[in-house]
Amino acid sequence: MLSGVAMTKTAALILALMLCSCRDQRPPAPSAEQANRLNDAEAMLNELATNEEGPANRSAGPSNSSD
């Protein structure tokens, strides 16, 4: 079994690892200018997506190609 000192060191190490894993690691929030640019870019992408044609018609119809 572990001695009292070894158990204390082990408990301290486990506690330190737990505290490090709980640290907030999110990136900082964008500035007002960056947020405006992101919103503009999203609006442009949404506009492009609504203007695009859908996928090609792949129905089983007659073919004009000859083999």
N, C-alpha and C. Protein backbone atom coordinates (compact mmCIF):
# COMPACT_ATOMS: atom_id res chain seq x y z
N MET A 1 0.83 -1.17 0.00
CA MET A 1 0.00 0.00 0.00
C MET A 1 0.89 1.25 0.00
N LEU A 2 0.27 2.35 -0.34
CA LEU A 2 1.00 3.61 -0.38
C LEU A 2 1.08 4.22 1.01
N SER A 3 2.21 4.89 1.25
CA SER A 3 2.35 5.59 2.53
C SER A 3 1.51 6.87 2.49
N GLY A 4 1.39 7.53 3.63
CA GLY A 4 0.60 8.76 3.73
C GLY A 4 1.11 9.85 2.81
N VAL A 5 2.44 10.00 2.70
CA VAL A 5 3.03 11.04 1.85
C VAL A 5 2.76 10.73 0.39
N ALA A 6 2.91 9.47 0.00
CA ALA A 6 2.67 9.08 -1.39
C ALA A 6 1.21 9.29 -1.76
N MET A 7 0.31 8.97 -0.84
CA MET A 7 -1.13 9.17 -1.11
C MET A 7 -1.45 10.65 -1.26
N THR A 8 -0.82 11.50 -0.44
CA THR A 8 -1.05 12.93 -0.51
C THR A 8 -0.55 13.47 -1.85
N LYS A 9 0.64 13.01 -2.28
CA LYS A 9 1.19 13.46 -3.56
C LYS A 9 0.31 12.98 -4.72
N THR A 10 -0.16 11.75 -4.64
CA THR A 10 -1.03 11.22 -5.68
C THR A 10 -2.34 12.00 -5.75
N ALA A 11 -2.91 12.29 -4.59
CA ALA A 11 -4.16 13.05 -4.55
C ALA A 11 -3.95 14.46 -5.09
N ALA A 12 -2.81 15.09 -4.77
CA ALA A 12 -2.51 16.43 -5.27
C ALA A 12 -2.34 16.41 -6.79
N LEU A 13 -1.69 15.37 -7.31
CA LEU A 13 -1.50 15.26 -8.75
C LEU A 13 -2.84 15.07 -9.46
N ILE A 14 -3.69 14.24 -8.92
CA ILE A 14 -5.01 14.01 -9.52
C ILE A 14 -5.83 15.30 -9.49
N LEU A 15 -5.78 16.02 -8.38
CA LEU A 15 -6.50 17.28 -8.28
C LEU A 15 -5.98 18.30 -9.29
N ALA A 16 -4.66 18.39 -9.44
CA ALA A 16 -4.07 19.33 -10.40
C ALA A 16 -4.49 18.98 -11.83
N LEU A 17 -4.50 17.69 -12.17
CA LEU A 17 -4.92 17.28 -13.51
C LEU A 17 -6.39 17.59 -13.75
N MET A 18 -7.21 17.41 -12.74
CA MET A 18 -8.64 17.72 -12.89
C MET A 18 -8.85 19.21 -13.10
N LEU A 19 -8.12 20.04 -12.38
CA LEU A 19 -8.26 21.49 -12.52
C LEU A 19 -7.81 21.95 -13.90
N CYS A 20 -6.74 21.37 -14.41
CA CYS A 20 -6.25 21.74 -15.75
C CYS A 20 -7.25 21.34 -16.83
N SER A 21 -7.92 20.23 -16.65
CA SER A 21 -8.85 19.77 -17.68
C SER A 21 -10.13 20.60 -17.69
N CYS A 22 -10.42 21.31 -16.63
CA CYS A 22 -11.65 22.11 -16.55
C CYS A 22 -11.45 23.54 -17.04
N ARG A 23 -10.25 23.88 -17.46
CA ARG A 23 -9.95 25.25 -17.89
C ARG A 23 -10.73 25.58 -19.16
N ASP A 24 -11.24 26.80 -19.25
CA ASP A 24 -12.00 27.25 -20.42
C ASP A 24 -11.03 27.47 -21.57
N GLN A 25 -11.18 26.72 -22.65
CA GLN A 25 -10.26 26.80 -23.77
C GLN A 25 -10.92 27.32 -25.04
N ARG A 26 -12.03 28.03 -24.90
CA ARG A 26 -12.69 28.59 -26.07
C ARG A 26 -11.91 29.79 -26.59
N PRO A 27 -11.95 30.03 -27.90
CA PRO A 27 -11.29 31.23 -28.44
C PRO A 27 -12.05 32.47 -28.01
N PRO A 28 -11.40 33.62 -28.02
CA PRO A 28 -12.09 34.85 -27.61
C PRO A 28 -13.22 35.19 -28.59
N ALA A 29 -14.22 35.87 -28.08
CA ALA A 29 -15.35 36.28 -28.92
C ALA A 29 -14.86 37.29 -29.96
N PRO A 30 -15.45 37.30 -31.16
CA PRO A 30 -15.02 38.25 -32.19
C PRO A 30 -15.37 39.68 -31.79
N SER A 31 -14.57 40.60 -32.29
CA SER A 31 -14.84 42.02 -32.04
C SER A 31 -16.09 42.42 -32.84
N ALA A 32 -16.57 43.63 -32.61
CA ALA A 32 -17.78 44.09 -33.31
C ALA A 32 -17.54 44.12 -34.82
N GLU A 33 -16.36 44.57 -35.24
CA GLU A 33 -16.04 44.62 -36.68
C GLU A 33 -15.98 43.21 -37.27
N GLN A 34 -15.35 42.29 -36.55
CA GLN A 34 -15.27 40.91 -37.03
C GLN A 34 -16.66 40.28 -37.10
N ALA A 35 -17.49 40.56 -36.11
CA ALA A 35 -18.84 40.02 -36.11
C ALA A 35 -19.63 40.53 -37.30
N ASN A 36 -19.48 41.81 -37.63
CA ASN A 36 -20.17 42.38 -38.80
C ASN A 36 -19.69 41.72 -40.08
N ARG A 37 -18.38 41.50 -40.20
CA ARG A 37 -17.84 40.84 -41.39
C ARG A 37 -18.36 39.41 -41.51
N LEU A 38 -18.39 38.71 -40.39
CA LEU A 38 -18.90 37.34 -40.40
C LEU A 38 -20.37 37.31 -40.80
N ASN A 39 -21.15 38.25 -40.30
CA ASN A 39 -22.57 38.31 -40.65
C ASN A 39 -22.76 38.61 -42.14
N ASP A 40 -21.93 39.54 -42.67
CA ASP A 40 -22.00 39.85 -44.10
C ASP A 40 -21.64 38.63 -44.94
N ALA A 41 -20.59 37.91 -44.55
CA ALA A 41 -20.17 36.73 -45.28
C ALA A 41 -21.25 35.66 -45.25
N GLU A 42 -21.87 35.47 -44.10
CA GLU A 42 -22.94 34.48 -43.99
C GLU A 42 -24.12 34.85 -44.88
N ALA A 43 -24.46 36.14 -44.93
CA ALA A 43 -25.57 36.59 -45.77
C ALA A 43 -25.24 36.35 -47.25
N MET A 44 -23.99 36.62 -47.66
CA MET A 44 -23.60 36.38 -49.05
C MET A 44 -23.69 34.89 -49.40
N LEU A 45 -23.22 34.04 -48.49
CA LEU A 45 -23.27 32.60 -48.73
C LEU A 45 -24.71 32.10 -48.80
N ASN A 46 -25.57 32.63 -47.94
CA ASN A 46 -26.98 32.25 -47.99
C ASN A 46 -27.63 32.68 -49.30
N GLU A 47 -27.26 33.87 -49.78
CA GLU A 47 -27.81 34.36 -51.04
C GLU A 47 -27.33 33.49 -52.20
N LEU A 48 -26.06 33.10 -52.18
CA LEU A 48 -25.54 32.22 -53.22
C LEU A 48 -26.25 30.87 -53.20
N ALA A 49 -26.50 30.36 -52.04
CA ALA A 49 -27.15 29.05 -51.92
C ALA A 49 -28.57 29.09 -52.45
N THR A 50 -29.29 30.18 -52.27
CA THR A 50 -30.66 30.26 -52.78
C THR A 50 -30.69 30.49 -54.28
N ASN A 51 -29.63 31.06 -54.85
CA ASN A 51 -29.58 31.32 -56.29
C ASN A 51 -29.06 30.13 -57.08
N GLU A 52 -28.49 29.14 -56.44
CA GLU A 52 -27.95 27.98 -57.16
C GLU A 52 -29.08 27.07 -57.62
N GLU A 53 -28.81 26.41 -58.73
CA GLU A 53 -29.76 25.41 -59.21
C GLU A 53 -29.57 24.15 -58.38
N GLY A 54 -30.60 23.36 -58.33
CA GLY A 54 -30.52 22.11 -57.60
C GLY A 54 -29.67 21.09 -58.36
N PRO A 55 -29.60 19.88 -57.86
CA PRO A 55 -28.82 18.85 -58.54
C PRO A 55 -29.43 18.52 -59.90
N ALA A 56 -28.61 17.99 -60.78
CA ALA A 56 -29.07 17.65 -62.13
C ALA A 56 -30.17 16.61 -62.05
N ASN A 57 -31.07 16.67 -63.02
CA ASN A 57 -32.17 15.71 -63.08
C ASN A 57 -31.59 14.35 -63.46
N ARG A 58 -31.71 13.38 -62.58
CA ARG A 58 -31.15 12.05 -62.83
C ARG A 58 -32.26 11.01 -62.97
N SER A 59 -33.38 11.44 -63.48
CA SER A 59 -34.48 10.50 -63.64
C SER A 59 -34.17 9.54 -64.78
N ALA A 60 -34.83 8.40 -64.77
CA ALA A 60 -34.60 7.37 -65.78
C ALA A 60 -35.43 7.68 -67.01
N GLY A 61 -34.95 8.61 -67.80
CA GLY A 61 -35.65 8.99 -69.02
C GLY A 61 -34.89 8.53 -70.24
N PRO A 62 -35.41 8.79 -71.41
CA PRO A 62 -34.71 8.39 -72.63
C PRO A 62 -33.40 9.15 -72.78
N SER A 63 -32.42 8.49 -73.36
CA SER A 63 -31.11 9.09 -73.54
C SER A 63 -30.92 9.47 -75.00
N ASN A 64 -30.24 10.54 -75.25
CA ASN A 64 -29.99 10.98 -76.62
C ASN A 64 -28.67 10.43 -77.15
N SER A 65 -27.93 9.73 -76.34
CA SER A 65 -26.64 9.20 -76.79
C SER A 65 -26.84 7.88 -77.50
N SER A 66 -25.97 7.61 -78.45
CA SER A 66 -26.03 6.32 -79.15
C SER A 66 -24.73 5.59 -78.91
N ASP A 67 -24.83 4.28 -78.72
CA ASP A 67 -23.63 3.48 -78.45
C ASP A 67 -23.10 2.85 -79.69
